[in-house]
């Protein structure tokens, strides 16, 4: 992806950081922003211009899986799936 971006300045990435539901909203938003920024840094280290890579932190707002089971107990597998960064291609 880095090679494609460097060769095509009109192409962009949007990186979204996500967290599970543990912790406060403020903590999770900051953590998700750091998570997205770490992925952005990888692309910058590969020589991709900063203006081609946008980041956003969603915190716990967009889970892939439930953070808790139907009975209210913790769902570690679901929480694990929610801790992620997603790369959206704007090609």
C-alpha atoms as a PDB file:
ATOM      1  CA  UNK A   1       0.000   0.000   0.000  1.00  0.00           C
ATOM      2  CA  UNK A   2       2.829   2.386   0.791  1.00  0.00           C
ATOM      3  CA  UNK A   3       4.243   2.006  -2.729  1.00  0.00           C
ATOM      4  CA  UNK A   4       0.845   2.698  -4.276  1.00  0.00           C
ATOM      5  CA  UNK A   5       0.341   5.799  -2.136  1.00  0.00           C
ATOM      6  CA  UNK A   6       3.797   7.198  -2.902  1.00  0.00           C
ATOM      7  CA  UNK A   7       3.253   6.664  -6.635  1.00  0.00           C
ATOM      8  CA  UNK A   8      -0.254   8.176  -6.599  1.00  0.00           C
ATOM      9  CA  UNK A   9      -0.528  11.383  -4.544  1.00  0.00           C
ATOM     10  CA  UNK A  10      -4.293  11.578  -5.176  1.00  0.00           C
ATOM     11  CA  UNK A  11      -4.888   8.326  -3.278  1.00  0.00           C
ATOM     12  CA  UNK A  12      -5.489   8.438   0.468  1.00  0.00           C
ATOM     13  CA  UNK A  13      -5.944   6.255   3.529  1.00  0.00           C
ATOM     14  CA  UNK A  14      -8.223   6.783   6.482  1.00  0.00           C
ATOM     15  CA  UNK A  15      -7.207   4.842   9.583  1.00  0.00           C
ATOM     16  CA  UNK A  16      -9.781   4.294  12.297  1.00  0.00           C
ATOM     17  CA  UNK A  17      -8.733   3.208  15.774  1.00  0.00           C
ATOM     18  CA  UNK A  18     -11.127   1.239  17.992  1.00  0.00           C
ATOM     19  CA  UNK A  19     -11.207  -0.105  21.555  1.00  0.00           C
ATOM     20  CA  UNK A  20     -13.236  -2.474  23.683  1.00  0.00           C
ATOM     21  CA  UNK A  21     -15.657  -1.136  26.297  1.00  0.00           C
ATOM     22  CA  UNK A  22     -13.310  -1.349  29.301  1.00  0.00           C
ATOM     23  CA  UNK A  23     -12.313   2.051  30.680  1.00  0.00           C
ATOM     24  CA  UNK A  24     -13.835   5.501  30.451  1.00  0.00           C
ATOM     25  CA  UNK A  25     -15.011   7.092  27.222  1.00  0.00           C
ATOM     26  CA  UNK A  26     -12.226   9.667  27.477  1.00  0.00           C
ATOM     27  CA  UNK A  27      -9.566   6.970  27.930  1.00  0.00           C
ATOM     28  CA  UNK A  28     -10.920   4.858  25.068  1.00  0.00           C
ATOM     29  CA  UNK A  29     -11.076   7.744  22.603  1.00  0.00           C
ATOM     30  CA  UNK A  30      -7.474   8.684  23.424  1.00  0.00           C
ATOM     31  CA  UNK A  31      -6.370   5.031  23.156  1.00  0.00           C
ATOM     32  CA  UNK A  32      -8.093   4.591  19.805  1.00  0.00           C
ATOM     33  CA  UNK A  33      -6.445   7.772  18.514  1.00  0.00           C
ATOM     34  CA  UNK A  34      -3.029   6.455  19.593  1.00  0.00           C
ATOM     35  CA  UNK A  35      -3.774   3.130  17.930  1.00  0.00           C
ATOM     36  CA  UNK A  36      -4.624   4.849  14.624  1.00  0.00           C
ATOM     37  CA  UNK A  37      -1.589   7.136  14.945  1.00  0.00           C
ATOM     38  CA  UNK A  38       0.712   4.111  15.341  1.00  0.00           C
ATOM     39  CA  UNK A  39      -0.526   2.694  12.036  1.00  0.00           C
ATOM     40  CA  UNK A  40      -0.143   6.108  10.395  1.00  0.00           C
ATOM     41  CA  UNK A  41       3.432   6.283  11.666  1.00  0.00           C
ATOM     42  CA  UNK A  42       4.194   3.015   9.898  1.00  0.00           C
ATOM     43  CA  UNK A  43       3.123   4.542   6.575  1.00  0.00           C
ATOM     44  CA  UNK A  44       5.067   7.742   7.276  1.00  0.00           C
ATOM     45  CA  UNK A  45       8.149   5.635   8.024  1.00  0.00           C
ATOM     46  CA  UNK A  46       7.668   4.026   4.595  1.00  0.00           C
ATOM     47  CA  UNK A  47       7.809   7.482   2.978  1.00  0.00           C
ATOM     48  CA  UNK A  48       4.096   8.138   2.485  1.00  0.00           C
ATOM     49  CA  UNK A  49       3.366  11.889   2.737  1.00  0.00           C
ATOM     50  CA  UNK A  50       1.421  12.804   5.910  1.00  0.00           C
ATOM     51  CA  UNK A  51      -1.383  14.487   3.972  1.00  0.00           C
ATOM     52  CA  UNK A  52      -2.312  11.156   2.379  1.00  0.00           C
ATOM     53  CA  UNK A  53      -3.047   9.490   5.718  1.00  0.00           C
ATOM     54  CA  UNK A  54      -5.903  10.615   7.951  1.00  0.00           C
ATOM     55  CA  UNK A  55      -6.612   9.172  11.395  1.00  0.00           C
ATOM     56  CA  UNK A  56      -9.663   9.095  13.615  1.00  0.00           C
ATOM     57  CA  UNK A  57     -10.276   7.516  17.005  1.00  0.00           C
ATOM     58  CA  UNK A  58     -13.716   6.002  17.551  1.00  0.00           C
ATOM     59  CA  UNK A  59     -13.173   4.675  21.064  1.00  0.00           C
ATOM     60  CA  UNK A  60     -15.729   1.987  21.879  1.00  0.00           C
ATOM     61  CA  UNK A  61     -18.453   3.433  19.608  1.00  0.00           C
ATOM     62  CA  UNK A  62     -18.242   0.903  16.743  1.00  0.00           C
ATOM     63  CA  UNK A  63     -17.755  -2.609  18.149  1.00  0.00           C
ATOM     64  CA  UNK A  64     -17.485  -5.617  15.835  1.00  0.00           C
ATOM     65  CA  UNK A  65     -18.599  -7.979  18.586  1.00  0.00           C
ATOM     66  CA  UNK A  66     -20.420  -7.658  21.905  1.00  0.00           C
ATOM     67  CA  UNK A  67     -18.180  -6.656  24.800  1.00  0.00           C
ATOM     68  CA  UNK A  68     -20.476  -8.583  27.153  1.00  0.00           C
ATOM     69  CA  UNK A  69     -22.436 -11.803  26.923  1.00  0.00           C
ATOM     70  CA  UNK A  70     -26.270 -11.744  26.944  1.00  0.00           C
ATOM     71  CA  UNK A  71     -26.237 -12.525  30.685  1.00  0.00           C
ATOM     72  CA  UNK A  72     -24.068  -9.439  31.331  1.00  0.00           C
ATOM     73  CA  UNK A  73     -20.836 -11.335  31.961  1.00  0.00           C
ATOM     74  CA  UNK A  74     -17.582 -10.309  30.311  1.00  0.00           C
ATOM     75  CA  UNK A  75     -16.925 -11.467  26.737  1.00  0.00           C
ATOM     76  CA  UNK A  76     -13.107 -11.510  26.380  1.00  0.00           C
ATOM     77  CA  UNK A  77     -13.255 -12.838  22.806  1.00  0.00           C
ATOM     78  CA  UNK A  78     -15.636 -10.074  21.747  1.00  0.00           C
ATOM     79  CA  UNK A  79     -13.565  -7.409  23.473  1.00  0.00           C
ATOM     80  CA  UNK A  80     -10.463  -8.739  21.720  1.00  0.00           C
ATOM     81  CA  UNK A  81     -12.101  -8.324  18.290  1.00  0.00           C
ATOM     82  CA  UNK A  82     -13.010  -4.728  19.152  1.00  0.00           C
ATOM     83  CA  UNK A  83      -9.411  -3.678  19.861  1.00  0.00           C
ATOM     84  CA  UNK A  84      -8.281  -2.881  16.331  1.00  0.00           C
ATOM     85  CA  UNK A  85      -7.293  -0.395  13.662  1.00  0.00           C
ATOM     86  CA  UNK A  86      -9.037  -0.376  10.303  1.00  0.00           C
ATOM     87  CA  UNK A  87      -7.583   1.008   7.108  1.00  0.00           C
ATOM     88  CA  UNK A  88     -10.032   2.469   4.622  1.00  0.00           C
ATOM     89  CA  UNK A  89      -8.759   3.011   1.096  1.00  0.00           C
ATOM     90  CA  UNK A  90      -9.860   6.161  -0.713  1.00  0.00           C
ATOM     91  CA  UNK A  91      -8.850   5.095  -4.222  1.00  0.00           C
END
